[in-house]
Amino acid sequence: MRIVSVAFLALALLAPTLTPVPAEAYARVSSVDSNEAQSAILSAGSRASQIAKIRNVPSIGVIDLSFAPRSVEYGTAASFSEFKIMAERNYSGIQKLRRALAQNPATRAAIAKTSVSIKNIAGVSVSSNGSLRLFILR
């Protein structure tokens, strides 16, 4: 019985290494990301002015809001449909943000290195060093 348990343990440890890794990996939404995403979507238009000032993008992260949210200890993240409604209500602000991202050479180049299309960006968080966290809806 002990040999069988060890064999299953070895197989369990090897299984993740045998699974192919997707070419594009996006983070799932947690409740913390959900709050940040809601803020990013609702303030998309005002963030456009921040984007215009960026000269260098040292890193870029992508949170795909299309994935089903995962439950966390203190609650559940907003659902895809809730993000979609927020984006529809702030469509003009999101369009302004997308134009700013496309017009800025630094942000355009950084986004081009990912597999993200600017038309899918619903919101963005900008750190003090110019790093971006993109919130996308597909």
N, C-alpha and C. Protein backbone atom coordinates (compact mmCIF):
# COMPACT_ATOMS: atom_id res chain seq x y z
N MET A 1 0.82 -1.19 0.00
CA MET A 1 0.00 0.00 0.00
C MET A 1 0.87 1.26 0.00
N ARG A 2 1.98 1.23 0.72
CA ARG A 2 2.87 2.39 0.81
C ARG A 2 3.48 2.70 -0.56
N ILE A 3 3.80 1.68 -1.34
CA ILE A 3 4.39 1.88 -2.67
C ILE A 3 3.39 2.56 -3.59
N VAL A 4 2.12 2.14 -3.49
CA VAL A 4 1.08 2.75 -4.32
C VAL A 4 0.92 4.22 -3.95
N SER A 5 0.94 4.54 -2.67
CA SER A 5 0.81 5.94 -2.23
C SER A 5 1.96 6.79 -2.74
N VAL A 6 3.18 6.25 -2.68
CA VAL A 6 4.35 6.97 -3.16
C VAL A 6 4.25 7.18 -4.67
N ALA A 7 3.76 6.19 -5.40
CA ALA A 7 3.63 6.29 -6.85
C ALA A 7 2.61 7.38 -7.21
N PHE A 8 1.48 7.42 -6.49
CA PHE A 8 0.49 8.46 -6.75
C PHE A 8 1.02 9.84 -6.40
N LEU A 9 1.80 9.92 -5.34
CA LEU A 9 2.39 11.20 -4.96
C LEU A 9 3.36 11.68 -6.04
N ALA A 10 4.19 10.79 -6.55
CA ALA A 10 5.13 11.15 -7.60
C ALA A 10 4.39 11.60 -8.86
N LEU A 11 3.33 10.88 -9.21
CA LEU A 11 2.53 11.25 -10.38
C LEU A 11 1.87 12.62 -10.18
N ALA A 12 1.38 12.87 -8.98
CA ALA A 12 0.75 14.15 -8.68
C ALA A 12 1.75 15.30 -8.78
N LEU A 13 2.97 15.05 -8.36
CA LEU A 13 3.99 16.09 -8.43
C LEU A 13 4.46 16.34 -9.86
N LEU A 14 4.45 15.30 -10.69
CA LEU A 14 4.88 15.45 -12.07
C LEU A 14 3.79 15.99 -12.99
N ALA A 15 2.54 15.78 -12.63
CA ALA A 15 1.43 16.17 -13.50
C ALA A 15 1.47 17.64 -13.90
N PRO A 16 1.72 18.57 -12.97
CA PRO A 16 1.75 19.97 -13.41
C PRO A 16 2.85 20.27 -14.42
N THR A 17 3.96 19.54 -14.37
CA THR A 17 5.04 19.80 -15.31
C THR A 17 4.70 19.25 -16.69
N LEU A 18 3.75 18.33 -16.76
CA LEU A 18 3.38 17.74 -18.04
C LEU A 18 2.29 18.56 -18.73
N THR A 19 1.65 19.44 -17.99
CA THR A 19 0.58 20.26 -18.54
C THR A 19 1.17 21.41 -19.34
N PRO A 20 0.73 21.61 -20.58
CA PRO A 20 1.26 22.73 -21.37
C PRO A 20 0.86 24.07 -20.76
N VAL A 21 1.76 25.01 -20.81
CA VAL A 21 1.50 26.35 -20.29
C VAL A 21 0.94 27.19 -21.43
N PRO A 22 -0.16 27.90 -21.19
CA PRO A 22 -0.73 28.72 -22.27
C PRO A 22 0.22 29.85 -22.67
N ALA A 23 0.17 30.22 -23.93
CA ALA A 23 1.06 31.28 -24.44
C ALA A 23 0.75 32.61 -23.77
N GLU A 24 -0.51 32.87 -23.51
CA GLU A 24 -0.86 34.11 -22.84
C GLU A 24 -1.47 33.74 -21.49
N ALA A 25 -0.90 34.28 -20.44
CA ALA A 25 -1.38 33.98 -19.10
C ALA A 25 -1.89 35.25 -18.46
N TYR A 26 -3.15 35.24 -18.08
CA TYR A 26 -3.74 36.38 -17.42
C TYR A 26 -4.11 35.97 -16.01
N ALA A 27 -4.08 36.92 -15.11
CA ALA A 27 -4.47 36.66 -13.74
C ALA A 27 -5.99 36.61 -13.65
N ARG A 28 -6.45 35.82 -12.68
CA ARG A 28 -7.88 35.78 -12.39
C ARG A 28 -8.22 36.91 -11.43
N VAL A 29 -9.48 37.18 -11.27
CA VAL A 29 -9.93 38.30 -10.46
C VAL A 29 -10.17 37.85 -9.02
N SER A 30 -9.55 38.55 -8.07
CA SER A 30 -9.85 38.34 -6.65
C SER A 30 -10.68 39.53 -6.19
N SER A 31 -11.12 39.53 -4.94
CA SER A 31 -11.93 40.66 -4.47
C SER A 31 -11.12 41.95 -4.43
N VAL A 32 -9.82 41.86 -4.15
CA VAL A 32 -8.97 43.06 -4.15
C VAL A 32 -8.86 43.59 -5.58
N ASP A 33 -8.58 42.71 -6.54
CA ASP A 33 -8.52 43.11 -7.95
C ASP A 33 -9.86 43.67 -8.41
N SER A 34 -10.94 43.09 -7.91
CA SER A 34 -12.27 43.52 -8.30
C SER A 34 -12.50 44.98 -7.91
N ASN A 35 -12.12 45.34 -6.70
CA ASN A 35 -12.27 46.73 -6.25
C ASN A 35 -11.41 47.66 -7.09
N GLU A 36 -10.18 47.24 -7.37
CA GLU A 36 -9.28 48.05 -8.18
C GLU A 36 -9.81 48.17 -9.61
N ALA A 37 -10.36 47.09 -10.13
CA ALA A 37 -10.91 47.09 -11.49
C ALA A 37 -12.12 48.02 -11.58
N GLN A 38 -12.98 47.97 -10.59
CA GLN A 38 -14.15 48.86 -10.59
C GLN A 38 -13.71 50.31 -10.60
N SER A 39 -12.73 50.63 -9.78
CA SER A 39 -12.20 51.99 -9.73
C SER A 39 -11.58 52.38 -11.07
N ALA A 40 -10.81 51.46 -11.67
CA ALA A 40 -10.16 51.73 -12.94
C ALA A 40 -11.17 51.96 -14.07
N ILE A 41 -12.24 51.19 -14.08
CA ILE A 41 -13.26 51.33 -15.12
C ILE A 41 -14.02 52.64 -14.94
N LEU A 42 -14.41 52.93 -13.72
CA LEU A 42 -15.22 54.12 -13.47
C LEU A 42 -14.43 55.42 -13.61
N SER A 43 -13.10 55.34 -13.46
CA SER A 43 -12.28 56.56 -13.59
C SER A 43 -11.41 56.52 -14.84
N ALA A 44 -11.80 55.73 -15.82
CA ALA A 44 -11.01 55.56 -17.05
C ALA A 44 -10.74 56.89 -17.75
N GLY A 45 -11.74 57.72 -17.86
CA GLY A 45 -11.58 59.00 -18.56
C GLY A 45 -10.59 59.92 -17.88
N SER A 46 -10.62 59.97 -16.55
CA SER A 46 -9.69 60.84 -15.83
C SER A 46 -8.27 60.28 -15.82
N ARG A 47 -8.13 58.98 -16.00
CA ARG A 47 -6.78 58.38 -16.05
C ARG A 47 -6.09 58.65 -17.38
N ALA A 48 -6.83 59.08 -18.37
CA ALA A 48 -6.25 59.37 -19.69
C ALA A 48 -5.18 60.46 -19.57
N SER A 49 -5.39 61.43 -18.71
CA SER A 49 -4.39 62.50 -18.55
C SER A 49 -3.11 61.97 -17.91
N GLN A 50 -3.23 60.98 -17.03
CA GLN A 50 -2.04 60.33 -16.45
C GLN A 50 -1.25 59.61 -17.54
N ILE A 51 -1.96 58.94 -18.42
CA ILE A 51 -1.33 58.16 -19.49
C ILE A 51 -0.49 59.06 -20.39
N ALA A 52 -0.98 60.24 -20.67
CA ALA A 52 -0.26 61.17 -21.56
C ALA A 52 1.11 61.55 -21.00
N LYS A 53 1.27 61.51 -19.68
CA LYS A 53 2.52 61.93 -19.03
C LYS A 53 3.56 60.82 -18.92
N ILE A 54 3.19 59.59 -19.20
CA ILE A 54 4.10 58.45 -19.04
C ILE A 54 5.15 58.46 -20.15
N ARG A 55 6.41 58.32 -19.77
CA ARG A 55 7.50 58.27 -20.74
C ARG A 55 8.15 56.89 -20.82
N ASN A 56 7.94 56.07 -19.79
CA ASN A 56 8.54 54.74 -19.73
C ASN A 56 7.59 53.81 -18.98
N VAL A 57 7.43 52.60 -19.49
CA VAL A 57 6.59 51.59 -18.84
C VAL A 57 7.48 50.41 -18.45
N PRO A 58 7.97 50.38 -17.19
CA PRO A 58 8.88 49.32 -16.79
C PRO A 58 8.24 47.93 -16.72
N SER A 59 6.95 47.87 -16.43
CA SER A 59 6.27 46.57 -16.39
C SER A 59 4.79 46.78 -16.66
N ILE A 60 4.17 45.68 -17.06
CA ILE A 60 2.75 45.72 -17.39
C ILE A 60 2.11 44.42 -16.92
N GLY A 61 0.99 44.54 -16.26
CA GLY A 61 0.24 43.38 -15.79
C GLY A 61 -1.14 43.39 -16.41
N VAL A 62 -1.72 42.22 -16.56
CA VAL A 62 -3.03 42.11 -17.20
C VAL A 62 -3.96 41.30 -16.31
N ILE A 63 -5.11 41.87 -16.01
CA ILE A 63 -6.16 41.17 -15.28
C ILE A 63 -7.33 41.03 -16.24
N ASP A 64 -7.66 39.79 -16.57
CA ASP A 64 -8.76 39.52 -17.50
C ASP A 64 -10.06 39.40 -16.70
N LEU A 65 -10.93 40.35 -16.84
CA LEU A 65 -12.19 40.38 -16.10
C LEU A 65 -13.22 39.43 -16.69
N SER A 66 -12.90 38.79 -17.80
CA SER A 66 -13.82 37.85 -18.43
C SER A 66 -13.85 36.50 -17.73
N PHE A 67 -12.79 36.20 -16.96
CA PHE A 67 -12.77 34.94 -16.22
C PHE A 67 -13.77 35.00 -15.09
N ALA A 68 -14.34 33.85 -14.75
CA ALA A 68 -15.23 33.80 -13.60
C ALA A 68 -14.42 34.15 -12.35
N PRO A 69 -14.99 34.97 -11.46
CA PRO A 69 -14.24 35.34 -10.25
C PRO A 69 -14.08 34.16 -9.33
N ARG A 70 -13.00 34.20 -8.57
CA ARG A 70 -12.81 33.12 -7.60
C ARG A 70 -13.25 33.64 -6.23
N SER A 71 -13.84 32.76 -5.46
CA SER A 71 -14.27 33.15 -4.12
C SER A 71 -13.05 33.33 -3.25
N VAL A 72 -13.13 34.28 -2.35
CA VAL A 72 -12.07 34.50 -1.39
C VAL A 72 -12.68 34.49 0.00
N GLU A 73 -11.85 34.47 1.00
CA GLU A 73 -12.33 34.31 2.36
C GLU A 73 -13.36 35.37 2.76
N TYR A 74 -13.15 36.61 2.32
CA TYR A 74 -14.02 37.69 2.76
C TYR A 74 -15.05 38.12 1.73
N GLY A 75 -15.31 37.32 0.75
CA GLY A 75 -16.33 37.68 -0.22
C GLY A 75 -15.98 37.20 -1.60
N THR A 76 -16.73 37.65 -2.56
CA THR A 76 -16.55 37.24 -3.94
C THR A 76 -16.36 38.47 -4.80
N ALA A 77 -15.53 38.33 -5.81
CA ALA A 77 -15.29 39.44 -6.73
C ALA A 77 -16.53 39.69 -7.57
N ALA A 78 -16.60 40.89 -8.14
CA ALA A 78 -17.71 41.22 -9.04
C ALA A 78 -17.72 40.26 -10.22
N SER A 79 -18.88 40.04 -10.78
CA SER A 79 -19.01 39.11 -11.90
C SER A 79 -18.69 39.81 -13.22
N PHE A 80 -18.50 39.02 -14.25
CA PHE A 80 -18.24 39.54 -15.59
C PHE A 80 -19.35 40.48 -16.03
N SER A 81 -20.59 40.10 -15.79
CA SER A 81 -21.71 40.94 -16.23
C SER A 81 -21.72 42.28 -15.49
N GLU A 82 -21.30 42.30 -14.24
CA GLU A 82 -21.23 43.57 -13.50
C GLU A 82 -20.14 44.48 -14.09
N PHE A 83 -19.00 43.90 -14.42
CA PHE A 83 -17.93 44.68 -15.06
C PHE A 83 -18.41 45.21 -16.41
N LYS A 84 -19.12 44.39 -17.16
CA LYS A 84 -19.63 44.77 -18.48
C LYS A 84 -20.59 45.96 -18.36
N ILE A 85 -21.46 45.93 -17.37
CA ILE A 85 -22.41 47.03 -17.15
C ILE A 85 -21.66 48.31 -16.81
N MET A 86 -20.66 48.20 -15.92
CA MET A 86 -19.86 49.38 -15.56
C MET A 86 -19.18 49.97 -16.80
N ALA A 87 -18.64 49.09 -17.63
CA ALA A 87 -17.95 49.54 -18.84
C ALA A 87 -18.93 50.21 -19.81
N GLU A 88 -20.12 49.67 -19.95
CA GLU A 88 -21.12 50.27 -20.83
C GLU A 88 -21.54 51.65 -20.33
N ARG A 89 -21.65 51.80 -19.02
CA ARG A 89 -22.06 53.08 -18.44
C ARG A 89 -20.96 54.14 -18.57
N ASN A 90 -19.72 53.72 -18.65
CA ASN A 90 -18.61 54.67 -18.76
C ASN A 90 -17.91 54.54 -20.11
N TYR A 91 -18.67 54.26 -21.13
CA TYR A 91 -18.12 54.03 -22.46
C TYR A 91 -17.28 55.20 -22.95
N SER A 92 -17.73 56.43 -22.77
CA SER A 92 -16.98 57.58 -23.27
C SER A 92 -15.65 57.74 -22.54
N GLY A 93 -15.64 57.48 -21.24
CA GLY A 93 -14.39 57.54 -20.48
C GLY A 93 -13.40 56.48 -20.93
N ILE A 94 -13.90 55.28 -21.19
CA ILE A 94 -13.04 54.19 -21.65
C ILE A 94 -12.48 54.50 -23.03
N GLN A 95 -13.30 55.08 -23.90
CA GLN A 95 -12.81 55.47 -25.23
C GLN A 95 -11.69 56.52 -25.11
N LYS A 96 -11.85 57.45 -24.20
CA LYS A 96 -10.82 58.47 -23.97
C LYS A 96 -9.52 57.82 -23.48
N LEU A 97 -9.65 56.86 -22.57
CA LEU A 97 -8.48 56.13 -22.07
C LEU A 97 -7.79 55.36 -23.20
N ARG A 98 -8.56 54.68 -24.01
CA ARG A 98 -7.99 53.89 -25.12
C ARG A 98 -7.25 54.79 -26.11
N ARG A 99 -7.83 55.95 -26.41
CA ARG A 99 -7.14 56.90 -27.30
C ARG A 99 -5.81 57.35 -26.70
N ALA A 100 -5.81 57.64 -25.41
CA ALA A 100 -4.58 58.07 -24.74
C ALA A 100 -3.52 56.97 -24.76
N LEU A 101 -3.94 55.73 -24.54
CA LEU A 101 -2.99 54.60 -24.58
C LEU A 101 -2.41 54.42 -25.98
N ALA A 102 -3.25 54.59 -26.99
CA ALA A 102 -2.80 54.41 -28.38
C ALA A 102 -1.91 55.57 -28.85
N GLN A 103 -2.15 56.76 -28.34
CA GLN A 103 -1.40 57.93 -28.79
C GLN A 103 -0.05 58.07 -28.09
N ASN A 104 0.10 57.49 -26.91
CA ASN A 104 1.36 57.58 -26.18
C ASN A 104 2.31 56.50 -26.69
N PRO A 105 3.47 56.86 -27.24
CA PRO A 105 4.40 55.86 -27.79
C PRO A 105 4.88 54.83 -26.76
N ALA A 106 5.09 55.25 -25.53
CA ALA A 106 5.59 54.33 -24.49
C ALA A 106 4.53 53.29 -24.13
N THR A 107 3.29 53.73 -23.93
CA THR A 107 2.24 52.77 -23.56
C THR A 107 1.86 51.90 -24.75
N ARG A 108 1.83 52.50 -25.94
CA ARG A 108 1.50 51.71 -27.15
C ARG A 108 2.51 50.60 -27.34
N ALA A 109 3.82 50.89 -27.18
CA ALA A 109 4.88 49.88 -27.35
C ALA A 109 4.79 48.81 -26.28
N ALA A 110 4.51 49.20 -25.04
CA ALA A 110 4.42 48.23 -23.94
C ALA A 110 3.24 47.28 -24.15
N ILE A 111 2.12 47.83 -24.57
CA ILE A 111 0.93 47.00 -24.80
C ILE A 111 1.14 46.09 -26.00
N ALA A 112 1.85 46.57 -27.01
CA ALA A 112 2.12 45.75 -28.20
C ALA A 112 2.94 44.50 -27.86
N LYS A 113 3.73 44.56 -26.80
CA LYS A 113 4.54 43.40 -26.39
C LYS A 113 3.69 42.32 -25.72
N THR A 114 2.47 42.66 -25.34
CA THR A 114 1.55 41.67 -24.78
C THR A 114 0.61 41.23 -25.90
N SER A 115 -0.25 40.31 -25.61
CA SER A 115 -1.23 39.89 -26.62
C SER A 115 -2.56 40.61 -26.42
N VAL A 116 -2.53 41.74 -25.74
CA VAL A 116 -3.73 42.52 -25.45
C VAL A 116 -4.00 43.53 -26.56
N SER A 117 -5.24 43.61 -26.97
CA SER A 117 -5.67 44.62 -27.92
C SER A 117 -6.19 45.82 -27.13
N ILE A 118 -5.81 47.01 -27.54
CA ILE A 118 -6.26 48.22 -26.84
C ILE A 118 -7.78 48.29 -26.80
N LYS A 119 -8.46 47.74 -27.80
CA LYS A 119 -9.93 47.79 -27.82
C LYS A 119 -10.56 46.96 -26.71
N ASN A 120 -9.78 46.08 -26.07
CA ASN A 120 -10.30 45.26 -24.97
C ASN A 120 -10.03 45.86 -23.60
N ILE A 121 -9.28 46.95 -23.54
CA ILE A 121 -8.93 47.55 -22.25
C ILE A 121 -10.12 48.35 -21.74
N ALA A 122 -10.56 48.02 -20.51
CA ALA A 122 -11.69 48.72 -19.89
C ALA A 122 -11.23 49.67 -18.80
N GLY A 123 -10.03 49.45 -18.28
CA GLY A 123 -9.52 50.30 -17.23
C GLY A 123 -8.03 50.05 -17.03
N VAL A 124 -7.39 50.97 -16.33
CA VAL A 124 -5.95 50.85 -16.09
C VAL A 124 -5.61 51.47 -14.75
N SER A 125 -4.67 50.84 -14.06
CA SER A 125 -4.07 51.43 -12.86
C SER A 125 -2.65 51.80 -13.23
N VAL A 126 -2.22 52.96 -12.81
CA VAL A 126 -0.88 53.45 -13.12
C VAL A 126 -0.12 53.61 -11.81
N SER A 127 1.04 52.95 -11.70
CA SER A 127 1.84 53.10 -10.49
C SER A 127 2.72 54.34 -10.61
N SER A 128 3.37 54.69 -9.53
CA SER A 128 4.18 55.91 -9.51
C SER A 128 5.38 55.84 -10.46
N ASN A 129 5.85 54.62 -10.79
CA ASN A 129 6.99 54.50 -11.71
C ASN A 129 6.57 54.30 -13.16
N GLY A 130 5.28 54.35 -13.44
CA GLY A 130 4.79 54.21 -14.81
C GLY A 130 4.36 52.80 -15.18
N SER A 131 4.48 51.85 -14.25
CA SER A 131 4.00 50.50 -14.51
C SER A 131 2.48 50.51 -14.65
N LEU A 132 1.99 49.66 -15.52
CA LEU A 132 0.55 49.62 -15.79
C LEU A 132 -0.05 48.30 -15.36
N ARG A 133 -1.27 48.34 -14.89
CA ARG A 133 -2.08 47.14 -14.68
C ARG A 133 -3.32 47.35 -15.53
N LEU A 134 -3.46 46.52 -16.55
CA LEU A 134 -4.57 46.64 -17.49
C LEU A 134 -5.70 45.72 -17.06
N PHE A 135 -6.90 46.21 -17.10
CA PHE A 135 -8.10 45.42 -16.83
C PHE A 135 -8.83 45.28 -18.16
N ILE A 136 -8.94 44.04 -18.63
CA ILE A 136 -9.51 43.83 -19.96
C ILE A 136 -10.84 43.07 -19.89
N LEU A 137 -11.69 43.39 -20.84
CA LEU A 137 -12.95 42.68 -21.07
C LEU A 137 -12.96 42.24 -22.52
N ARG A 138 -13.21 40.98 -22.76
CA ARG A 138 -13.25 40.47 -24.13
C ARG A 138 -14.65 40.18 -24.56
